[in-house]
């Protein structure tokens, strides 16, 4: 679920979330409100923030009905590198 949100897969699924996008402080902000019952049990809202220069996700905050939230911040992202694993 979280990986789908971070990769953007969930943004395209209109059955899962209602999405509202806006530009705020130079960042793209997407407010996602769950539509499915199973998602509503987990989240009241999910907010994704993207850097428009790179189109990369910089943070994801998941809000619970009880008022709590979980924030995942992403920084120091490198693209185009050699990521082969040595096992």
C-alpha atoms as a PDB file:
ATOM      1  CA  UNK A   1       0.000   0.000   0.000  1.00  0.00           C
ATOM      2  CA  UNK A   2       2.672   2.509   1.036  1.00  0.00           C
ATOM      3  CA  UNK A   3       4.851   1.645  -1.953  1.00  0.00           C
ATOM      4  CA  UNK A   4       1.868   2.141  -4.249  1.00  0.00           C
ATOM      5  CA  UNK A   5       1.331   5.585  -2.753  1.00  0.00           C
ATOM      6  CA  UNK A   6       4.996   6.492  -3.036  1.00  0.00           C
ATOM      7  CA  UNK A   7       5.280   5.282  -6.647  1.00  0.00           C
ATOM      8  CA  UNK A   8       2.022   6.995  -7.591  1.00  0.00           C
ATOM      9  CA  UNK A   9       0.075   3.860  -8.492  1.00  0.00           C
ATOM     10  CA  UNK A  10      -2.697   4.774  -6.039  1.00  0.00           C
ATOM     11  CA  UNK A  11      -3.082   8.220  -7.637  1.00  0.00           C
ATOM     12  CA  UNK A  12      -4.471   6.579 -10.759  1.00  0.00           C
ATOM     13  CA  UNK A  13      -6.954   4.326  -8.926  1.00  0.00           C
ATOM     14  CA  UNK A  14     -10.127   6.425  -8.768  1.00  0.00           C
ATOM     15  CA  UNK A  15     -11.879   3.641  -6.818  1.00  0.00           C
ATOM     16  CA  UNK A  16      -9.424   3.885  -3.915  1.00  0.00           C
ATOM     17  CA  UNK A  17      -9.013   7.636  -3.357  1.00  0.00           C
ATOM     18  CA  UNK A  18     -10.448  11.010  -4.277  1.00  0.00           C
ATOM     19  CA  UNK A  19      -7.493  13.250  -5.185  1.00  0.00           C
ATOM     20  CA  UNK A  20      -7.125  17.018  -5.083  1.00  0.00           C
ATOM     21  CA  UNK A  21      -3.880  18.585  -6.293  1.00  0.00           C
ATOM     22  CA  UNK A  22      -2.590  22.095  -5.715  1.00  0.00           C
ATOM     23  CA  UNK A  23       0.605  24.140  -5.830  1.00  0.00           C
ATOM     24  CA  UNK A  24       1.723  25.269  -2.378  1.00  0.00           C
ATOM     25  CA  UNK A  25       5.035  26.906  -1.441  1.00  0.00           C
ATOM     26  CA  UNK A  26       6.540  25.830  -4.768  1.00  0.00           C
ATOM     27  CA  UNK A  27       5.639  22.148  -4.240  1.00  0.00           C
ATOM     28  CA  UNK A  28       2.912  19.972  -5.720  1.00  0.00           C
ATOM     29  CA  UNK A  29       0.581  18.829  -2.933  1.00  0.00           C
ATOM     30  CA  UNK A  30      -1.906  15.997  -3.451  1.00  0.00           C
ATOM     31  CA  UNK A  31      -4.624  15.457  -0.823  1.00  0.00           C
ATOM     32  CA  UNK A  32      -5.972  11.923  -1.029  1.00  0.00           C
ATOM     33  CA  UNK A  33      -9.230  11.011   0.713  1.00  0.00           C
ATOM     34  CA  UNK A  34     -10.006   7.277   0.882  1.00  0.00           C
ATOM     35  CA  UNK A  35     -13.153   6.034  -0.836  1.00  0.00           C
ATOM     36  CA  UNK A  36     -12.987   2.327   0.002  1.00  0.00           C
ATOM     37  CA  UNK A  37     -14.131   1.128   3.419  1.00  0.00           C
ATOM     38  CA  UNK A  38     -10.920  -0.809   4.102  1.00  0.00           C
ATOM     39  CA  UNK A  39      -8.818   2.307   3.445  1.00  0.00           C
ATOM     40  CA  UNK A  40     -11.095   4.515   5.543  1.00  0.00           C
ATOM     41  CA  UNK A  41     -10.354   2.223   8.501  1.00  0.00           C
ATOM     42  CA  UNK A  42      -6.633   2.996   8.116  1.00  0.00           C
ATOM     43  CA  UNK A  43      -6.566   6.645   6.996  1.00  0.00           C
ATOM     44  CA  UNK A  44      -8.731   9.734   7.117  1.00  0.00           C
ATOM     45  CA  UNK A  45      -6.429  11.423   4.596  1.00  0.00           C
ATOM     46  CA  UNK A  46      -3.055  10.972   2.902  1.00  0.00           C
ATOM     47  CA  UNK A  47      -1.018  13.987   1.770  1.00  0.00           C
ATOM     48  CA  UNK A  48       1.734  13.570  -0.824  1.00  0.00           C
ATOM     49  CA  UNK A  49       4.215  16.359  -1.582  1.00  0.00           C
ATOM     50  CA  UNK A  50       6.271  16.341  -4.779  1.00  0.00           C
ATOM     51  CA  UNK A  51       9.175  18.490  -5.948  1.00  0.00           C
ATOM     52  CA  UNK A  52       8.086  19.898  -9.326  1.00  0.00           C
ATOM     53  CA  UNK A  53      11.701  20.243 -10.509  1.00  0.00           C
ATOM     54  CA  UNK A  54      12.371  16.512 -10.210  1.00  0.00           C
ATOM     55  CA  UNK A  55       8.790  15.119 -10.046  1.00  0.00           C
ATOM     56  CA  UNK A  56       9.975  13.054  -7.053  1.00  0.00           C
ATOM     57  CA  UNK A  57       8.033  12.495  -3.859  1.00  0.00           C
ATOM     58  CA  UNK A  58       9.548  14.422  -0.941  1.00  0.00           C
ATOM     59  CA  UNK A  59       7.075  13.528   1.804  1.00  0.00           C
ATOM     60  CA  UNK A  60       4.018  11.475   2.570  1.00  0.00           C
ATOM     61  CA  UNK A  61       1.829  12.033   5.627  1.00  0.00           C
ATOM     62  CA  UNK A  62      -0.894   9.583   6.580  1.00  0.00           C
ATOM     63  CA  UNK A  63      -3.603  10.840   8.941  1.00  0.00           C
ATOM     64  CA  UNK A  64      -5.672   8.528  11.146  1.00  0.00           C
ATOM     65  CA  UNK A  65      -9.239   9.143  12.307  1.00  0.00           C
ATOM     66  CA  UNK A  66      -8.063   9.443  15.938  1.00  0.00           C
ATOM     67  CA  UNK A  67      -5.971  12.513  15.071  1.00  0.00           C
ATOM     68  CA  UNK A  68      -2.615  10.740  14.888  1.00  0.00           C
ATOM     69  CA  UNK A  69      -0.411  10.831  11.816  1.00  0.00           C
ATOM     70  CA  UNK A  70       2.683   9.245  10.321  1.00  0.00           C
ATOM     71  CA  UNK A  71       5.108  11.366   8.304  1.00  0.00           C
ATOM     72  CA  UNK A  72       7.653   9.874   5.917  1.00  0.00           C
ATOM     73  CA  UNK A  73      10.190  12.411   4.626  1.00  0.00           C
ATOM     74  CA  UNK A  74      12.443  11.563   1.714  1.00  0.00           C
ATOM     75  CA  UNK A  75      15.699  13.397   1.074  1.00  0.00           C
ATOM     76  CA  UNK A  76      19.111  12.922  -0.518  1.00  0.00           C
ATOM     77  CA  UNK A  77      17.621  11.026  -3.445  1.00  0.00           C
ATOM     78  CA  UNK A  78      20.072  10.012  -6.160  1.00  0.00           C
ATOM     79  CA  UNK A  79      18.875   9.060  -9.602  1.00  0.00           C
ATOM     80  CA  UNK A  80      20.652   7.437 -12.517  1.00  0.00           C
ATOM     81  CA  UNK A  81      23.133   5.568 -10.346  1.00  0.00           C
ATOM     82  CA  UNK A  82      24.352   2.002 -10.495  1.00  0.00           C
ATOM     83  CA  UNK A  83      22.190   0.130  -7.997  1.00  0.00           C
ATOM     84  CA  UNK A  84      23.218  -3.453  -8.660  1.00  0.00           C
ATOM     85  CA  UNK A  85      23.191  -5.545  -5.520  1.00  0.00           C
ATOM     86  CA  UNK A  86      26.177  -7.555  -4.445  1.00  0.00           C
ATOM     87  CA  UNK A  87      24.814 -10.717  -2.833  1.00  0.00           C
END
